Amino acid sequence: MAEYINIKGQNIEVVASDPANPTIGQIWYNSTSNTLKAFDLTTTATFASAPGLNTSRYFTSGAGTQTAGLIMGGSTGGQTEEYDGSTWTTSPGSMSTGRDSTAGAGTQTAALVCGGRPPSSPNGLTEEYNGSTWTNGGSMVLGRFYHAGCGTQTAALTGAGTPANPYQANLTNTFEVYDGTSWTSTTSSPTAKVIPGLSGTQTAAIQSGGFWPDNYNTSEEFDGSTWTAGGTMNVGRRSHQYFGTQTATVISGGETPAGTVATTEIYDGSSWTTSTSQPGKRIYGASAILGTNAAGLIMGGENPDTSPPLSSPTSLEWAGAGAPQTRTITAS
């Protein structure tokens, strides 16, 4: 049998802890865990369980990335939590007005949350987060809930949802853009709906799914001024989780007319492809919306498999095919 030194010209490095910044193809032996490890690329997409939130919640919104995530507001009020890739920490700053069914945008240290309910149902409140405290921003043109958001704190996009109860009779297709100070109306989307997905930026977004009177399997692309039809989803859904860009977005979970699903789809700018399902069903959860199709974070939500459905503290990390990974090498 050929030895590694004869193949690669060097011995396997023995270390007490995994390297902080390994390179693709690097192999080492961890003497603490007594395991042989390698750093390579994933061949299939995977979901992995991440640490649970400090406060369970649903009807919540998120911001940031997989290693710098943020969850804000929801069914429990205005609590805010930050994720560093391994631990959830409750922020000392809670939203000025606790509410649910909001839309989020931005990063962990420069986030935005808008709309939602209560105290009025709905409202046009906007708040900005700087990594520790919340301050009030400009009011929305149209107060709403069950809407979606994407982009950054100074270049956000939000739309769809409903401006009044009962929401079934008051759907909207209007959209707004935020410049860090004020909201301005922009081009309306083709179809009024509630609880769609919205990934990307203010000038390159993809709206996915949504609801009423049925779960739509359509998607629409926005270039900052014009909406055009996107690819047809394999499973029409609402209240799903979403992250990524207009040409590389991931959606997962949500509700269909037949019930809740755990299925995942990836959009490449023209078509949707079914990918790895979540390990459990989830609705009304949040996503780190600036995540990518290689590395995403899903957090909170409602577990529809319990009776009655319960808010969830769980979070999941997504690794897309081709994402870097540290892998333990076994004899099998």
Protein backbone atom coordinates (compact mmCIF):
# COMPACT_ATOMS: atom_id res chain seq x y z
CA MET A 1 0.00 0.00 0.00
CA ALA A 2 1.34 3.43 -0.94
CA GLU A 3 2.12 5.75 1.96
CA TYR A 4 0.91 9.33 2.13
CA ILE A 5 4.48 10.68 2.26
CA ASN A 6 5.28 8.94 -1.00
CA ILE A 7 2.15 10.33 -2.69
CA LYS A 8 2.29 13.90 -1.40
CA GLY A 9 5.95 14.19 -0.47
CA GLN A 10 5.21 15.07 3.14
CA ASN A 11 3.91 13.55 6.35
CA ILE A 12 0.44 14.19 7.78
CA GLU A 13 0.61 17.05 10.27
CA VAL A 14 -0.29 16.19 13.87
CA VAL A 15 -2.07 19.02 15.71
CA ALA A 16 -3.88 19.44 19.03
CA SER A 17 -6.74 21.40 17.43
CA ASP A 18 -8.09 21.82 13.91
CA PRO A 19 -6.36 24.53 11.82
CA ALA A 20 -8.15 27.88 11.85
CA ASN A 21 -7.79 28.46 8.11
CA PRO A 22 -7.14 25.16 6.30
CA THR A 23 -6.75 24.96 2.54
CA ILE A 24 -8.69 22.72 0.18
CA GLY A 25 -7.08 19.27 0.16
CA GLN A 26 -5.28 19.73 3.49
CA ILE A 27 -5.17 16.64 5.76
CA TRP A 28 -4.19 16.54 9.44
CA TYR A 29 -4.41 14.31 12.52
CA ASN A 30 -6.14 15.82 15.57
CA SER A 31 -4.37 14.30 18.55
CA THR A 32 -7.00 15.61 20.99
CA SER A 33 -9.93 13.84 19.34
CA ASN A 34 -7.76 11.09 17.82
CA THR A 35 -9.26 11.65 14.39
CA LEU A 36 -7.86 12.01 10.90
CA LYS A 37 -9.43 15.00 9.14
CA ALA A 38 -9.47 16.66 5.74
CA PHE A 39 -10.67 19.97 4.35
CA ASP A 40 -12.52 19.57 1.06
CA LEU A 41 -15.67 20.58 -0.80
CA THR A 42 -19.15 19.17 -0.19
CA THR A 43 -20.62 17.09 -3.02
CA THR A 44 -24.25 17.48 -1.90
CA ALA A 45 -26.08 20.18 0.02
CA THR A 46 -26.69 19.53 3.72
CA PHE A 47 -28.50 20.94 6.73
CA ALA A 48 -26.81 20.72 10.12
CA SER A 49 -28.35 21.48 13.50
CA ALA A 50 -27.00 24.67 15.07
CA PRO A 51 -27.32 25.83 18.70
CA GLY A 52 -30.83 26.79 19.76
CA LEU A 53 -32.07 30.33 20.31
CA ASN A 54 -32.28 31.72 23.83
CA THR A 55 -35.92 32.68 23.18
CA SER A 56 -38.27 30.58 21.03
CA ARG A 57 -40.26 32.64 18.54
CA TYR A 58 -42.14 32.66 15.23
CA PHE A 59 -43.48 35.38 12.88
CA THR A 60 -39.96 36.76 13.16
CA SER A 61 -37.41 38.25 10.77
CA GLY A 62 -33.67 37.98 10.31
CA ALA A 63 -30.55 39.60 8.90
CA GLY A 64 -26.85 38.93 8.44
CA THR A 65 -24.97 35.80 7.42
CA GLN A 66 -24.37 32.26 8.68
CA THR A 67 -21.49 33.31 10.95
CA ALA A 68 -22.89 36.74 11.85
CA GLY A 69 -26.64 36.23 12.05
CA LEU A 70 -29.38 38.28 13.68
CA ILE A 71 -32.96 37.43 14.67
CA MET A 72 -35.31 40.19 15.75
CA GLY A 73 -38.78 40.50 17.13
CA GLY A 74 -41.54 38.00 16.55
CA SER A 75 -44.20 36.35 18.68
CA THR A 76 -42.37 37.12 21.93
CA GLY A 77 -41.92 40.87 21.40
CA GLY A 78 -38.80 42.86 20.62
CA GLN A 79 -35.97 40.62 21.82
CA THR A 80 -32.90 40.52 19.59
CA GLU A 81 -30.28 37.76 19.40
CA GLU A 82 -26.95 37.53 17.60
CA TYR A 83 -25.16 34.41 16.27
CA ASP A 84 -21.40 34.17 15.75
CA GLY A 85 -21.33 30.76 14.08
CA SER A 86 -21.32 28.82 17.35
CA THR A 87 -23.26 30.70 20.05
CA TRP A 88 -26.45 32.75 20.36
CA THR A 89 -26.18 35.87 22.53
CA THR A 90 -29.13 38.00 23.62
CA SER A 91 -28.48 41.61 22.67
CA PRO A 92 -28.82 44.26 25.39
CA GLY A 93 -30.89 46.23 22.91
CA SER A 94 -34.52 45.26 22.26
CA MET A 95 -36.59 46.78 19.50
CA SER A 96 -38.25 50.02 20.57
CA THR A 97 -41.64 48.55 19.65
CA GLY A 98 -42.00 44.79 20.01
CA ARG A 99 -44.03 43.28 17.17
CA ASP A 100 -44.32 40.31 14.84
CA SER A 101 -44.79 39.67 11.11
CA THR A 102 -42.07 42.20 10.22
CA ALA A 103 -39.57 42.25 7.34
CA GLY A 104 -35.82 42.50 7.82
CA ALA A 105 -32.72 43.57 5.91
CA GLY A 106 -29.02 44.25 6.45
CA THR A 107 -26.15 42.86 8.48
CA GLN A 108 -25.70 41.93 12.13
CA THR A 109 -24.27 45.38 12.94
CA ALA A 110 -26.35 47.40 10.47
CA ALA A 111 -29.83 45.89 10.31
CA LEU A 112 -33.31 47.15 9.60
CA VAL A 113 -36.77 45.93 10.59
CA CYS A 114 -39.98 47.40 9.21
CA GLY A 115 -43.75 47.08 9.46
CA GLY A 116 -45.47 44.38 11.46
CA ARG A 117 -48.13 44.16 14.16
CA PRO A 118 -49.09 45.17 16.94
CA PRO A 119 -49.37 47.74 18.59
CA SER A 120 -51.48 48.80 15.65
CA SER A 121 -52.39 46.26 13.04
CA PRO A 122 -50.57 46.90 10.86
CA ASN A 123 -47.96 49.65 11.26
CA GLY A 124 -45.28 51.37 9.19
CA LEU A 125 -42.61 51.58 11.87
CA THR A 126 -38.96 51.21 10.84
CA GLU A 127 -36.12 50.61 13.27
CA GLU A 128 -32.38 50.43 12.66
CA TYR A 129 -29.87 48.33 14.63
CA ASN A 130 -26.17 49.14 15.02
CA GLY A 131 -25.05 45.97 16.78
CA SER A 132 -26.19 47.01 20.25
CA THR A 133 -29.10 49.46 20.15
CA TRP A 134 -32.21 50.20 18.08
CA THR A 135 -33.21 53.65 16.84
CA ASN A 136 -36.26 54.76 14.88
CA GLY A 137 -35.95 55.21 11.12
CA GLY A 138 -38.28 56.61 8.49
CA SER A 139 -41.89 55.44 8.38
CA MET A 140 -43.02 53.21 5.51
CA VAL A 141 -45.23 54.63 2.76
CA LEU A 142 -47.74 51.85 3.47
CA GLY A 143 -47.90 50.17 6.87
CA ARG A 144 -48.18 46.41 6.41
CA PHE A 145 -47.51 42.95 7.80
CA TYR A 146 -46.98 39.50 6.23
CA HIS A 147 -44.56 41.23 3.82
CA ALA A 148 -40.96 40.40 2.86
CA GLY A 149 -37.68 42.31 2.78
CA CYS A 150 -34.13 42.12 1.46
CA GLY A 151 -31.06 44.28 0.86
CA THR A 152 -29.13 46.40 3.33
CA GLN A 153 -29.92 48.99 5.97
CA THR A 154 -29.22 51.84 3.54
CA ALA A 155 -30.58 50.13 0.40
CA ALA A 156 -33.52 47.94 1.40
CA LEU A 157 -36.48 46.61 -0.57
CA THR A 158 -39.81 45.53 0.89
CA GLY A 159 -43.26 44.76 -0.43
CA ALA A 160 -46.31 42.52 -0.74
CA GLY A 161 -48.22 41.70 2.45
CA THR A 162 -51.39 43.34 3.71
CA PRO A 163 -52.21 46.81 5.06
CA ALA A 164 -55.30 45.75 7.01
CA ASN A 165 -57.26 42.89 8.56
CA PRO A 166 -58.82 40.70 7.37
CA TYR A 167 -55.70 40.12 5.30
CA GLN A 168 -57.50 37.90 2.78
CA ALA A 169 -59.46 40.91 1.52
CA ASN A 170 -56.62 43.44 1.68
CA LEU A 171 -53.63 42.07 -0.20
CA THR A 172 -51.15 44.42 -1.81
CA ASN A 173 -48.54 44.16 -4.54
CA THR A 174 -46.92 47.53 -3.77
CA PHE A 175 -43.19 47.79 -3.08
CA GLU A 176 -40.96 50.37 -1.41
CA VAL A 177 -37.23 51.17 -1.28
CA TYR A 178 -35.28 52.60 1.67
CA ASP A 179 -32.17 54.79 1.42
CA GLY A 180 -31.22 54.77 5.09
CA THR A 181 -33.50 57.68 5.89
CA SER A 182 -36.81 57.42 4.07
CA TRP A 183 -39.03 55.02 2.14
CA THR A 184 -40.13 55.71 -1.45
CA SER A 185 -42.69 53.84 -3.53
CA THR A 186 -41.31 51.83 -6.44
CA THR A 187 -42.79 49.56 -9.13
CA SER A 188 -45.48 47.16 -7.92
CA SER A 189 -45.03 43.42 -8.47
CA PRO A 190 -47.36 41.57 -10.87
CA THR A 191 -49.42 39.81 -8.19
CA ALA A 192 -50.69 40.77 -4.73
CA LYS A 193 -49.77 38.14 -2.13
CA VAL A 194 -48.80 37.59 1.49
CA ILE A 195 -45.82 35.86 3.11
CA PRO A 196 -43.64 35.45 0.00
CA GLY A 197 -39.86 35.12 -0.02
CA LEU A 198 -37.62 37.99 -1.16
CA SER A 199 -33.90 37.48 -1.74
CA GLY A 200 -31.13 39.63 -3.19
CA THR A 201 -30.64 43.38 -3.30
CA GLN A 202 -32.69 46.51 -3.91
CA THR A 203 -31.83 46.41 -7.63
CA ALA A 204 -31.53 42.64 -8.17
CA ALA A 205 -34.18 40.74 -6.20
CA ILE A 206 -36.20 37.55 -6.60
CA GLN A 207 -39.68 37.18 -5.07
CA SER A 208 -40.69 33.56 -4.49
CA GLY A 209 -44.05 32.01 -3.77
CA GLY A 210 -46.61 33.64 -1.53
CA PHE A 211 -50.27 33.09 -0.82
CA TRP A 212 -53.86 33.94 -1.72
CA PRO A 213 -56.10 32.56 -2.94
CA ASP A 214 -53.68 29.67 -3.47
CA ASN A 215 -49.99 29.02 -2.86
CA TYR A 216 -48.22 30.49 -5.85
CA ASN A 217 -45.42 28.54 -7.50
CA THR A 218 -44.37 31.60 -9.46
CA SER A 219 -41.31 33.77 -8.94
CA GLU A 220 -40.63 37.30 -10.16
CA GLU A 221 -37.33 39.13 -10.70
CA PHE A 222 -36.85 42.84 -9.98
CA ASP A 223 -34.04 44.96 -11.46
CA GLY A 224 -34.77 48.13 -9.52
CA SER A 225 -37.45 49.38 -11.88
CA THR A 226 -39.09 46.46 -13.69
CA TRP A 227 -40.55 43.10 -12.68
CA THR A 228 -40.20 40.11 -15.03
CA ALA A 229 -41.36 36.51 -14.70
CA GLY A 230 -38.85 34.10 -13.18
CA GLY A 231 -38.80 30.32 -13.14
CA THR A 232 -41.70 28.22 -11.89
CA MET A 233 -41.10 26.66 -8.47
CA ASN A 234 -41.48 22.91 -8.09
CA VAL A 235 -43.60 23.36 -4.95
CA GLY A 236 -45.71 26.48 -4.48
CA ARG A 237 -45.41 27.70 -0.88
CA ARG A 238 -45.72 30.57 1.55
CA SER A 239 -44.18 31.40 4.97
CA HIS A 240 -40.92 29.75 3.89
CA GLN A 241 -37.33 30.65 4.72
CA TYR A 242 -35.10 32.25 2.09
CA PHE A 243 -31.59 33.65 1.54
CA GLY A 244 -29.13 34.30 -1.26
CA THR A 245 -29.04 36.41 -4.41
CA GLN A 246 -31.28 36.84 -7.44
CA THR A 247 -29.25 34.28 -9.41
CA ALA A 248 -28.39 31.96 -6.52
CA THR A 249 -31.15 31.85 -3.92
CA VAL A 250 -32.30 29.09 -1.56
CA ILE A 251 -35.84 28.59 -0.24
CA SER A 252 -36.89 25.93 2.27
CA GLY A 253 -39.87 24.85 4.34
CA GLY A 254 -43.20 26.67 4.37
CA GLU A 255 -46.84 25.84 3.75
CA THR A 256 -48.72 24.43 0.75
CA PRO A 257 -52.44 23.77 0.26
CA ALA A 258 -51.70 20.16 1.22
CA GLY A 259 -49.87 21.09 4.42
CA THR A 260 -46.40 22.07 5.56
CA VAL A 261 -43.27 20.90 3.76
CA ALA A 262 -39.56 20.51 4.51
CA THR A 263 -38.46 20.60 0.88
CA THR A 264 -35.75 22.93 -0.39
CA GLU A 265 -35.27 24.52 -3.81
CA ILE A 266 -32.38 26.45 -5.37
CA TYR A 267 -32.75 29.12 -8.06
CA ASP A 268 -29.95 29.74 -10.56
CA GLY A 269 -31.40 32.79 -12.27
CA SER A 270 -33.65 30.86 -14.63
CA SER A 271 -34.95 27.65 -13.04
CA TRP A 272 -35.67 26.05 -9.68
CA THR A 273 -34.07 22.73 -8.68
CA THR A 274 -35.12 20.54 -5.75
CA SER A 275 -32.37 20.05 -3.18
CA THR A 276 -31.86 18.58 0.30
CA SER A 277 -34.88 18.89 2.62
CA GLN A 278 -34.77 20.31 6.12
CA PRO A 279 -34.60 17.69 8.91
CA GLY A 280 -37.99 18.95 10.15
CA LYS A 281 -40.87 21.12 8.96
CA ARG A 282 -40.91 24.82 9.83
CA ILE A 283 -43.07 27.85 9.06
CA TYR A 284 -42.91 31.54 9.99
CA GLY A 285 -39.18 31.27 10.70
CA ALA A 286 -36.38 33.72 9.91
CA SER A 287 -33.29 33.54 7.75
CA ALA A 288 -29.95 35.32 7.70
CA ILE A 289 -31.01 36.99 4.47
CA LEU A 290 -27.48 37.88 3.34
CA GLY A 291 -26.54 34.20 3.44
CA THR A 292 -25.48 32.50 0.22
CA ASN A 293 -26.39 29.32 -1.60
CA ALA A 294 -23.16 27.92 -0.13
CA ALA A 295 -23.69 28.99 3.50
CA GLY A 296 -27.05 29.90 5.03
CA LEU A 297 -28.75 30.13 8.44
CA ILE A 298 -32.40 29.41 9.32
CA MET A 299 -33.70 30.27 12.78
CA GLY A 300 -36.80 30.07 14.92
CA GLY A 301 -40.26 29.63 13.47
CA GLU A 302 -43.20 27.44 14.31
CA ASN A 303 -43.11 23.65 14.47
CA PRO A 304 -46.29 22.46 12.73
CA ASP A 305 -45.73 18.83 13.74
CA THR A 306 -46.74 19.47 17.34
CA SER A 307 -50.35 19.73 18.52
CA PRO A 308 -50.95 22.58 18.99
CA PRO A 309 -48.09 24.02 16.86
CA LEU A 310 -45.35 25.49 19.06
CA SER A 311 -42.73 28.20 18.55
CA SER A 312 -39.31 26.72 17.93
CA PRO A 313 -35.90 27.60 19.40
CA THR A 314 -34.02 25.56 16.81
CA SER A 315 -31.69 26.85 14.11
CA LEU A 316 -30.12 25.17 11.09
CA GLU A 317 -26.97 25.81 9.08
CA TRP A 318 -27.06 25.18 5.33
CA ALA A 319 -24.01 24.09 3.36
CA GLY A 320 -24.56 24.06 -0.38
CA ALA A 321 -22.86 21.68 -2.76
CA GLY A 322 -19.31 22.86 -3.34
CA ALA A 323 -19.08 24.53 0.07
CA PRO A 324 -15.83 24.06 2.06
CA GLN A 325 -16.08 21.52 4.90
CA THR A 326 -13.92 19.86 7.52
CA ARG A 327 -14.49 16.12 7.23
CA THR A 328 -13.46 13.26 9.52
CA ILE A 329 -11.84 10.43 7.58
CA THR A 330 -12.87 6.91 8.61
CA ALA A 331 -11.86 3.44 7.48
CA SER A 332 -15.19 3.01 5.68
